[in-house]
């Protein structure tokens, strides 16, 4: 099993550039099924989940070419099967975004259960409800089998603002007959990216960035090119990393328009950053003092759908809180198992009480010491890596495949900032 060996306690400083948004890249790759012409995608992150999605598409008959480290050319001139590779499909959560485009392209699709991080139940009901509203028949006994050779536009209210269900509904609707209105739609940056990409291919989607999307169905999409935006979760991770190690960091092409809520929440934990055009600058020696609520009440940090604080940064916020002076309640509202990794942080010296699957109380600052641990999922793995880099002594993190699934060349990037880290088996 591959692992990272880290010698902590060294300030990390310098310049870093985030990769493309992982959660935008995966549905963008899936959307290439909607056209029989070539599509070039740029700023695709060089990560494990992207490789798995590309392999899934190639297995289905799509011609997939990697033009350089971050540019892919896909040509779905022919799609030879409606049954996707079960092994590949089960490796990543993002594979579920193939349901909508496969249904629109083939009139049917056979899906295994998607994989991904084990962070609690991640229901698929909203996906099937939306696709059923468009005219698909759903058989969820064992494998998921969807058929819908004549999808028609509809007015659908999603029962939750699910990102991937919104993406599936949008991709199915762009080639459906008539007009589709998706209400209570997710509007995260990666959903916006997908809609803008589809519009460059000829789709007619309005309301991008809002909770109501209107899609006028068309006969076919043409080819084209699109550039994925920066990964704001990666940017948030590096802001926290600089803060807890005491370093000064310039993050290039950081997409600051997507960091406003991150800035508000991090400021409550004593972290401030500056927006410099398209870049973000994190000054050295942050105050790291938790700001109480009005009247001196203990503050609460919680996640919710966009534009609230993103769930994927909650693990990072826990580590940041452990190094900030004060008391804070972390409330993970969206996933019931996402906080189960904090026992590893407690073993490193953090003062945390896990109240229940959704809440923990963090008292900082704590002096962390190195330890040996295993990465349970992408975001918790990155959180443990940040903790190890600010801890005293040596840490070992196993199962780093989980981190590499979502963070591009993290070892090399951190080493350039002065981190004492190396990968080994």
Protein backbone atom coordinates (compact mmCIF):
# COMPACT_ATOMS: atom_id res chain seq x y z
CA UNK A 1 0.00 0.00 0.00
CA UNK A 2 1.37 3.41 -0.93
CA UNK A 3 1.94 5.92 1.85
CA UNK A 4 3.20 9.41 2.62
CA UNK A 5 5.94 9.99 5.17
CA UNK A 6 5.81 13.53 6.56
CA UNK A 7 8.10 15.45 8.88
CA UNK A 8 5.87 18.20 10.26
CA UNK A 9 6.45 21.58 11.85
CA UNK A 10 7.83 23.46 8.84
CA UNK A 11 6.14 26.63 7.50
CA UNK A 12 5.02 26.20 3.90
CA UNK A 13 5.45 29.22 1.65
CA UNK A 14 5.58 30.04 -2.05
CA UNK A 15 3.29 29.96 -5.07
CA UNK A 16 0.88 27.21 -6.07
CA UNK A 17 -1.69 26.69 -8.82
CA UNK A 18 -4.77 24.54 -8.19
CA UNK A 19 -5.93 21.90 -10.62
CA UNK A 20 -9.23 21.96 -12.47
CA UNK A 21 -12.38 21.28 -10.52
CA UNK A 22 -12.68 17.50 -10.08
CA UNK A 23 -16.43 17.71 -9.60
CA UNK A 24 -16.76 19.65 -12.86
CA UNK A 25 -14.38 17.46 -14.86
CA UNK A 26 -16.25 14.18 -14.29
CA UNK A 27 -19.69 15.30 -15.59
CA UNK A 28 -17.97 17.22 -18.39
CA UNK A 29 -16.35 13.99 -19.54
CA UNK A 30 -19.71 12.22 -19.27
CA UNK A 31 -21.40 14.98 -21.30
CA UNK A 32 -19.18 14.15 -24.28
CA UNK A 33 -21.54 11.22 -24.90
CA UNK A 34 -24.22 13.69 -26.00
CA UNK A 35 -22.45 14.60 -29.25
CA UNK A 36 -21.09 12.45 -32.06
CA UNK A 37 -18.49 15.13 -32.85
CA UNK A 38 -15.07 15.62 -31.18
CA UNK A 39 -14.92 17.61 -27.93
CA UNK A 40 -11.74 18.98 -26.35
CA UNK A 41 -11.71 19.60 -22.60
CA UNK A 42 -8.97 21.70 -21.01
CA UNK A 43 -7.76 22.12 -17.43
CA UNK A 44 -8.81 18.57 -16.58
CA UNK A 45 -7.08 17.57 -13.31
CA UNK A 46 -4.52 14.76 -13.48
CA UNK A 47 -6.15 12.60 -10.79
CA UNK A 48 -7.30 9.04 -10.28
CA UNK A 49 -11.04 9.67 -10.62
CA UNK A 50 -10.56 11.29 -14.04
CA UNK A 51 -8.56 8.29 -15.23
CA UNK A 52 -11.36 5.97 -14.12
CA UNK A 53 -14.04 8.02 -15.88
CA UNK A 54 -11.97 8.12 -19.08
CA UNK A 55 -11.55 4.34 -18.90
CA UNK A 56 -15.33 3.92 -18.48
CA UNK A 57 -16.01 5.98 -21.59
CA UNK A 58 -13.36 4.18 -23.61
CA UNK A 59 -14.82 0.83 -22.57
CA UNK A 60 -18.20 1.99 -23.92
CA UNK A 61 -16.69 2.82 -27.31
CA UNK A 62 -15.72 6.49 -26.98
CA UNK A 63 -12.39 7.45 -28.54
CA UNK A 64 -10.42 9.04 -25.70
CA UNK A 65 -7.14 10.83 -26.35
CA UNK A 66 -4.99 12.57 -23.77
CA UNK A 67 -3.39 15.48 -25.64
CA UNK A 68 -1.33 16.62 -22.63
CA UNK A 69 -1.44 16.35 -18.84
CA UNK A 70 -4.58 18.49 -18.61
CA UNK A 71 -6.21 18.29 -22.05
CA UNK A 72 -8.43 15.49 -23.31
CA UNK A 73 -10.08 14.94 -26.68
CA UNK A 74 -13.16 12.73 -26.72
CA UNK A 75 -15.09 11.55 -29.75
CA UNK A 76 -18.27 9.59 -29.09
CA UNK A 77 -18.91 8.89 -32.75
CA UNK A 78 -20.13 5.46 -31.80
CA UNK A 79 -21.24 4.11 -28.42
CA UNK A 80 -21.28 0.35 -28.60
CA UNK A 81 -23.04 -0.64 -25.37
CA UNK A 82 -25.64 0.59 -22.92
CA UNK A 83 -24.19 -1.57 -20.14
CA UNK A 84 -21.29 0.16 -18.44
CA UNK A 85 -18.30 -1.71 -17.01
CA UNK A 86 -19.36 -2.71 -13.49
CA UNK A 87 -15.89 -2.79 -12.00
CA UNK A 88 -14.93 0.68 -13.24
CA UNK A 89 -18.37 2.09 -12.46
CA UNK A 90 -18.10 0.96 -8.84
CA UNK A 91 -14.79 2.74 -8.21
CA UNK A 92 -16.01 6.34 -8.21
CA UNK A 93 -19.12 8.26 -7.23
CA UNK A 94 -18.93 10.47 -10.32
CA UNK A 95 -19.76 7.50 -12.54
CA UNK A 96 -23.44 8.09 -11.77
CA UNK A 97 -23.32 11.19 -14.02
CA UNK A 98 -23.22 8.82 -16.99
CA UNK A 99 -26.87 7.91 -16.45
CA UNK A 100 -28.38 11.03 -18.04
CA UNK A 101 -26.17 11.28 -21.13
CA UNK A 102 -26.26 7.52 -21.79
CA UNK A 103 -30.06 7.55 -21.56
CA UNK A 104 -30.25 10.51 -23.94
CA UNK A 105 -27.78 8.98 -26.40
CA UNK A 106 -28.74 5.30 -26.32
CA UNK A 107 -32.33 5.31 -25.09
CA UNK A 108 -31.30 2.97 -22.29
CA UNK A 109 -28.53 2.40 -19.76
CA UNK A 110 -27.59 -0.37 -17.33
CA UNK A 111 -25.76 0.81 -14.21
CA UNK A 112 -24.09 -0.84 -11.25
CA UNK A 113 -24.06 0.93 -7.89
CA UNK A 114 -21.53 3.80 -8.01
CA UNK A 115 -18.54 3.83 -5.67
CA UNK A 116 -16.73 6.76 -4.07
CA UNK A 117 -16.04 7.88 -0.53
CA UNK A 118 -17.72 6.04 2.34
CA UNK A 119 -19.21 9.05 4.11
CA UNK A 120 -22.71 7.75 4.78
CA UNK A 121 -25.72 6.93 2.67
CA UNK A 122 -25.77 8.77 -0.65
CA UNK A 123 -29.23 8.25 -2.08
CA UNK A 124 -29.96 7.91 -5.78
CA UNK A 125 -33.72 8.44 -5.53
CA UNK A 126 -33.54 12.03 -6.80
CA UNK A 127 -31.71 10.91 -9.95
CA UNK A 128 -34.38 8.36 -10.79
CA UNK A 129 -37.23 10.74 -9.94
CA UNK A 130 -35.88 13.38 -12.33
CA UNK A 131 -35.20 10.93 -15.15
CA UNK A 132 -38.61 9.31 -14.66
CA UNK A 133 -40.23 12.74 -14.98
CA UNK A 134 -38.51 13.06 -18.38
CA UNK A 135 -40.11 9.78 -19.48
CA UNK A 136 -37.60 7.12 -18.45
CA UNK A 137 -38.68 3.81 -17.01
CA UNK A 138 -36.56 2.76 -14.03
CA UNK A 139 -35.92 -0.77 -12.81
CA UNK A 140 -33.89 -0.60 -9.58
CA UNK A 141 -33.91 -4.32 -8.77
CA UNK A 142 -30.23 -5.32 -8.50
CA UNK A 143 -28.59 -3.43 -11.34
CA UNK A 144 -30.22 -0.15 -12.25
CA UNK A 145 -31.83 -0.37 -15.69
CA UNK A 146 -33.22 2.77 -17.27
CA UNK A 147 -34.98 3.00 -20.61
CA UNK A 148 -36.42 6.05 -22.31
CA UNK A 149 -36.18 6.18 -26.10
CA UNK A 150 -38.51 9.22 -26.23
CA UNK A 151 -37.56 11.66 -23.47
CA UNK A 152 -39.84 14.67 -23.22
CA UNK A 153 -39.41 17.98 -21.46
CA UNK A 154 -41.19 18.48 -18.15
CA UNK A 155 -41.43 20.71 -15.10
CA UNK A 156 -39.75 18.85 -12.23
CA UNK A 157 -39.17 19.81 -8.61
CA UNK A 158 -36.21 17.91 -7.17
CA UNK A 159 -36.80 16.64 -3.64
CA UNK A 160 -33.28 17.73 -2.71
CA UNK A 161 -30.76 20.05 -4.35
CA UNK A 162 -28.55 17.14 -5.40
CA UNK A 163 -25.56 18.13 -7.52
CA UNK A 164 -25.25 14.93 -9.52
CA UNK A 165 -29.02 14.49 -9.89
CA UNK A 166 -29.23 18.03 -11.28
CA UNK A 167 -26.39 17.23 -13.69
CA UNK A 168 -28.06 14.02 -14.85
CA UNK A 169 -31.38 15.80 -15.38
CA UNK A 170 -29.72 18.61 -17.35
CA UNK A 171 -27.79 16.21 -19.60
CA UNK A 172 -30.88 14.14 -20.31
CA UNK A 173 -33.01 17.23 -20.94
CA UNK A 174 -30.77 18.95 -23.51
CA UNK A 175 -31.76 16.39 -26.16
CA UNK A 176 -35.33 15.81 -24.92
CA UNK A 177 -38.33 17.05 -26.87
CA UNK A 178 -39.69 20.35 -25.60
CA UNK A 179 -38.84 22.48 -22.60
CA UNK A 180 -37.65 21.24 -19.22
CA UNK A 181 -37.72 23.30 -16.03
CA UNK A 182 -35.67 21.96 -13.11
CA UNK A 183 -36.64 23.53 -9.79
CA UNK A 184 -34.63 23.23 -6.55
CA UNK A 185 -31.66 22.60 -8.83
CA UNK A 186 -28.15 22.55 -7.38
CA UNK A 187 -26.12 25.58 -8.46
CA UNK A 188 -22.57 24.74 -7.30
CA UNK A 189 -19.69 25.98 -9.48
CA UNK A 190 -19.34 22.55 -11.08
CA UNK A 191 -23.02 22.53 -12.08
CA UNK A 192 -22.50 25.97 -13.62
CA UNK A 193 -19.42 24.69 -15.46
CA UNK A 194 -21.38 21.78 -16.95
CA UNK A 195 -24.22 24.03 -18.13
CA UNK A 196 -21.83 26.51 -19.72
CA UNK A 197 -19.96 23.69 -21.43
CA UNK A 198 -23.20 22.29 -22.86
CA UNK A 199 -24.20 25.74 -24.11
CA UNK A 200 -20.90 26.02 -26.01
CA UNK A 201 -21.94 22.78 -27.77
CA UNK A 202 -25.28 24.23 -28.79
CA UNK A 203 -27.52 23.50 -25.80
CA UNK A 204 -30.06 26.11 -24.70
CA UNK A 205 -29.83 26.33 -20.90
CA UNK A 206 -30.83 29.44 -18.97
CA UNK A 207 -30.87 30.26 -15.27
CA UNK A 208 -27.27 29.10 -14.78
CA UNK A 209 -26.16 29.84 -11.22
CA UNK A 210 -29.72 29.84 -9.86
CA UNK A 211 -31.97 27.17 -8.37
CA UNK A 212 -34.22 27.11 -11.44
CA UNK A 213 -32.81 25.86 -14.73
CA UNK A 214 -34.73 26.03 -18.00
CA UNK A 215 -33.59 23.79 -20.85
CA UNK A 216 -35.00 24.02 -24.35
CA UNK A 217 -34.39 20.63 -25.93
CA UNK A 218 -32.64 20.47 -29.30
CA UNK A 219 -32.05 17.76 -31.90
CA UNK A 220 -28.27 17.39 -31.50
CA UNK A 221 -25.16 18.92 -29.99
CA UNK A 222 -22.08 19.75 -32.03
CA UNK A 223 -18.43 19.43 -30.99
CA UNK A 224 -16.29 22.13 -29.43
CA UNK A 225 -13.84 23.06 -26.71
CA UNK A 226 -14.28 24.01 -23.07
CA UNK A 227 -11.97 24.92 -20.18
CA UNK A 228 -12.86 23.67 -16.69
CA UNK A 229 -12.64 26.18 -13.83
CA UNK A 230 -10.29 25.89 -10.83
CA UNK A 231 -11.07 23.55 -7.95
CA UNK A 232 -12.27 25.82 -5.15
CA UNK A 233 -12.08 22.93 -2.66
CA UNK A 234 -8.39 22.51 -3.43
CA UNK A 235 -7.93 26.27 -3.07
CA UNK A 236 -9.66 26.20 0.33
CA UNK A 237 -7.44 23.31 1.41
CA UNK A 238 -4.28 25.27 0.55
CA UNK A 239 -5.52 28.39 2.34
CA UNK A 240 -5.98 26.31 5.50
CA UNK A 241 -2.62 24.60 4.98
CA UNK A 242 -0.78 27.93 4.82
CA UNK A 243 -2.61 29.20 7.90
CA UNK A 244 -1.86 26.24 10.19
CA UNK A 245 1.80 26.00 9.14
CA UNK A 246 2.38 29.76 9.47
CA UNK A 247 3.51 30.24 5.88
CA UNK A 248 2.84 32.85 3.20
CA UNK A 249 1.14 31.53 0.10
CA UNK A 250 0.11 32.91 -3.29
CA UNK A 251 -2.52 30.78 -5.04
CA UNK A 252 -2.63 31.53 -8.77
CA UNK A 253 -5.85 31.44 -10.83
CA UNK A 254 -7.84 30.62 -7.70
CA UNK A 255 -11.34 31.52 -8.90
CA UNK A 256 -12.00 34.02 -6.09
CA UNK A 257 -15.64 34.47 -7.15
CA UNK A 258 -16.29 31.02 -5.65
CA UNK A 259 -14.52 31.70 -2.33
CA UNK A 260 -16.78 34.26 -0.67
CA UNK A 261 -18.44 31.85 1.79
CA UNK A 262 -15.13 30.09 2.39
CA UNK A 263 -13.70 33.48 3.31
CA UNK A 264 -16.54 34.22 5.74
CA UNK A 265 -16.23 30.87 7.53
CA UNK A 266 -12.43 30.82 7.61
CA UNK A 267 -12.45 34.37 8.99
CA UNK A 268 -14.48 33.10 11.97
CA UNK A 269 -11.63 30.64 12.58
CA UNK A 270 -9.03 33.42 12.42
CA UNK A 271 -7.88 33.06 8.82
CA UNK A 272 -7.86 35.92 6.34
CA UNK A 273 -6.79 36.02 2.71
CA UNK A 274 -6.57 38.72 0.07
CA UNK A 275 -8.00 38.63 -3.44
CA UNK A 276 -5.54 39.94 -6.03
CA UNK A 277 -7.28 39.83 -9.37
CA UNK A 278 -7.65 36.12 -10.18
CA UNK A 279 -5.19 35.15 -7.43
CA UNK A 280 -5.50 34.67 -3.67
CA UNK A 281 -2.77 35.69 -1.22
CA UNK A 282 -2.56 34.17 2.27
CA UNK A 283 -0.35 36.27 4.60
CA UNK A 284 1.99 34.57 7.05
CA UNK A 285 1.36 34.29 10.79
CA UNK A 286 -2.44 34.29 10.80
CA UNK A 287 -4.12 35.23 14.12
CA UNK A 288 -5.99 31.87 14.30
CA UNK A 289 -8.49 33.04 16.92
CA UNK A 290 -12.09 31.84 16.80
CA UNK A 291 -14.65 34.65 16.74
CA UNK A 292 -17.61 33.91 19.06
CA UNK A 293 -21.17 34.69 18.05
CA UNK A 294 -22.87 37.86 19.30
CA UNK A 295 -23.07 37.84 23.10
CA UNK A 296 -20.09 35.49 23.41
CA UNK A 297 -22.02 32.38 22.30
CA UNK A 298 -20.10 29.38 20.98
CA UNK A 299 -20.12 29.64 17.17
CA UNK A 300 -21.26 26.87 14.86
CA UNK A 301 -19.86 26.02 11.43
CA UNK A 302 -22.03 23.90 9.17
CA UNK A 303 -22.33 22.88 5.55
CA UNK A 304 -25.27 23.22 3.16
CA UNK A 305 -25.89 23.41 -0.60
CA UNK A 306 -24.32 26.27 -2.55
CA UNK A 307 -23.78 29.12 -1.87
CA UNK A 308 -23.32 27.91 1.73
CA UNK A 309 -20.08 26.43 3.06
CA UNK A 310 -19.21 23.34 0.96
CA UNK A 311 -19.39 19.89 2.54
CA UNK A 312 -16.07 18.95 0.94
CA UNK A 313 -14.27 21.52 3.13
CA UNK A 314 -15.74 20.40 6.47
CA UNK A 315 -12.86 18.02 7.21
CA UNK A 316 -10.40 20.81 6.48
CA UNK A 317 -12.35 23.13 8.81
CA UNK A 318 -12.00 20.62 11.66
CA UNK A 319 -8.19 20.67 11.38
CA UNK A 320 -8.18 24.45 11.09
CA UNK A 321 -10.37 24.75 14.21
CA UNK A 322 -7.98 22.48 16.14
CA UNK A 323 -5.23 25.07 15.60
CA UNK A 324 -7.37 28.14 16.36
CA UNK A 325 -7.77 29.63 19.84
CA UNK A 326 -11.31 29.08 21.08
CA UNK A 327 -14.27 26.74 21.04
CA UNK A 328 -16.44 25.90 18.01
CA UNK A 329 -19.16 23.42 17.08
CA UNK A 330 -18.65 21.72 13.71
CA UNK A 331 -21.99 20.51 12.33
CA UNK A 332 -21.80 18.21 9.31
CA UNK A 333 -25.40 18.27 8.11
CA UNK A 334 -25.13 16.51 4.77
CA UNK A 335 -23.31 13.20 5.39
CA UNK A 336 -23.74 11.09 8.51
CA UNK A 337 -20.32 9.38 8.46
CA UNK A 338 -18.05 12.21 7.39
CA UNK A 339 -16.79 12.98 10.92
CA UNK A 340 -15.83 9.43 11.85
CA UNK A 341 -12.20 10.11 10.92
CA UNK A 342 -11.67 12.61 13.78
CA UNK A 343 -10.47 9.83 16.08
CA UNK A 344 -7.25 9.93 14.09
CA UNK A 345 -6.92 13.66 14.76
CA UNK A 346 -7.67 13.09 18.46
CA UNK A 347 -4.87 10.51 18.55
CA UNK A 348 -2.54 13.25 17.24
CA UNK A 349 -3.43 15.44 20.25
CA UNK A 350 -6.48 17.42 19.08
CA UNK A 351 -9.09 18.24 21.72
CA UNK A 352 -12.31 17.15 20.06
CA UNK A 353 -15.54 15.68 21.38
CA UNK A 354 -17.48 13.71 18.78
CA UNK A 355 -21.06 14.33 19.89
CA UNK A 356 -22.80 12.17 17.28
CA UNK A 357 -22.33 11.26 13.59
CA UNK A 358 -23.02 14.85 12.56
CA UNK A 359 -21.44 17.07 15.22
CA UNK A 360 -18.17 17.58 17.05
CA UNK A 361 -16.91 20.23 19.44
CA UNK A 362 -13.36 21.44 18.85
CA UNK A 363 -11.26 23.26 21.46
CA UNK A 364 -8.08 24.83 20.11
CA UNK A 365 -5.29 25.35 19.80
CA UNK A 366 -3.83 21.88 20.28
CA UNK A 367 -0.21 20.82 19.85
CA UNK A 368 -0.36 17.96 17.39
CA UNK A 369 2.25 15.22 17.26
CA UNK A 370 3.07 12.87 14.44
CA UNK A 371 1.28 9.54 14.17
CA UNK A 372 0.63 6.64 11.82
CA UNK A 373 -2.81 6.56 10.19
CA UNK A 374 -4.78 5.64 7.10
CA UNK A 375 -6.66 7.94 4.74
CA UNK A 376 -10.37 6.99 4.84
CA UNK A 377 -11.56 9.21 1.96
CA UNK A 378 -10.38 12.06 -0.27
CA UNK A 379 -11.23 15.02 1.97
CA UNK A 380 -10.41 13.42 5.32
CA UNK A 381 -7.14 12.23 3.79
CA UNK A 382 -6.22 15.78 2.82
CA UNK A 383 -7.24 16.99 6.28
CA UNK A 384 -4.94 14.44 7.91
CA UNK A 385 -2.14 15.48 5.56
CA UNK A 386 -2.58 19.12 6.62
CA UNK A 387 -2.58 18.04 10.28
CA UNK A 388 0.62 16.04 9.76
CA UNK A 389 2.34 19.02 8.12
CA UNK A 390 1.67 21.26 11.14
CA UNK A 391 2.33 18.53 13.74
CA UNK A 392 5.58 17.95 15.59
CA UNK A 393 7.54 14.93 14.46
CA UNK A 394 7.03 12.21 11.89
CA UNK A 395 3.71 11.00 10.48
CA UNK A 396 2.84 8.18 8.11
CA UNK A 397 -0.38 8.25 6.08
CA UNK A 398 -1.33 5.05 4.30
CA UNK A 399 -3.87 4.49 1.53
CA UNK A 400 -2.87 7.74 -0.17
CA UNK A 401 -4.64 6.53 -3.31
CA UNK A 402 -7.68 8.15 -1.72
CA UNK A 403 -5.97 11.56 -1.62
CA UNK A 404 -4.60 11.17 -5.14
CA UNK A 405 -8.13 10.49 -6.39
CA UNK A 406 -8.97 14.15 -5.79
CA UNK A 407 -5.76 16.19 -5.45
CA UNK A 408 -3.38 16.49 -8.37
CA UNK A 409 0.32 15.84 -7.74
CA UNK A 410 -0.12 16.84 -4.12
CA UNK A 411 3.28 15.50 -3.04
CA UNK A 412 5.18 17.48 -5.68
CA UNK A 413 3.18 20.66 -5.06
CA UNK A 414 3.74 20.53 -1.32
CA UNK A 415 7.42 19.76 -1.65
CA UNK A 416 7.86 22.89 -3.77
CA UNK A 417 6.37 24.88 -0.88
CA UNK A 418 8.94 23.46 1.52
CA UNK A 419 7.09 20.43 2.88
CA UNK A 420 9.16 17.53 4.13
CA UNK A 421 7.13 14.80 2.46
CA UNK A 422 7.82 11.79 0.30
CA UNK A 423 5.80 8.91 -1.02
CA UNK A 424 6.80 5.29 -0.63
CA UNK A 425 5.33 1.79 -0.59
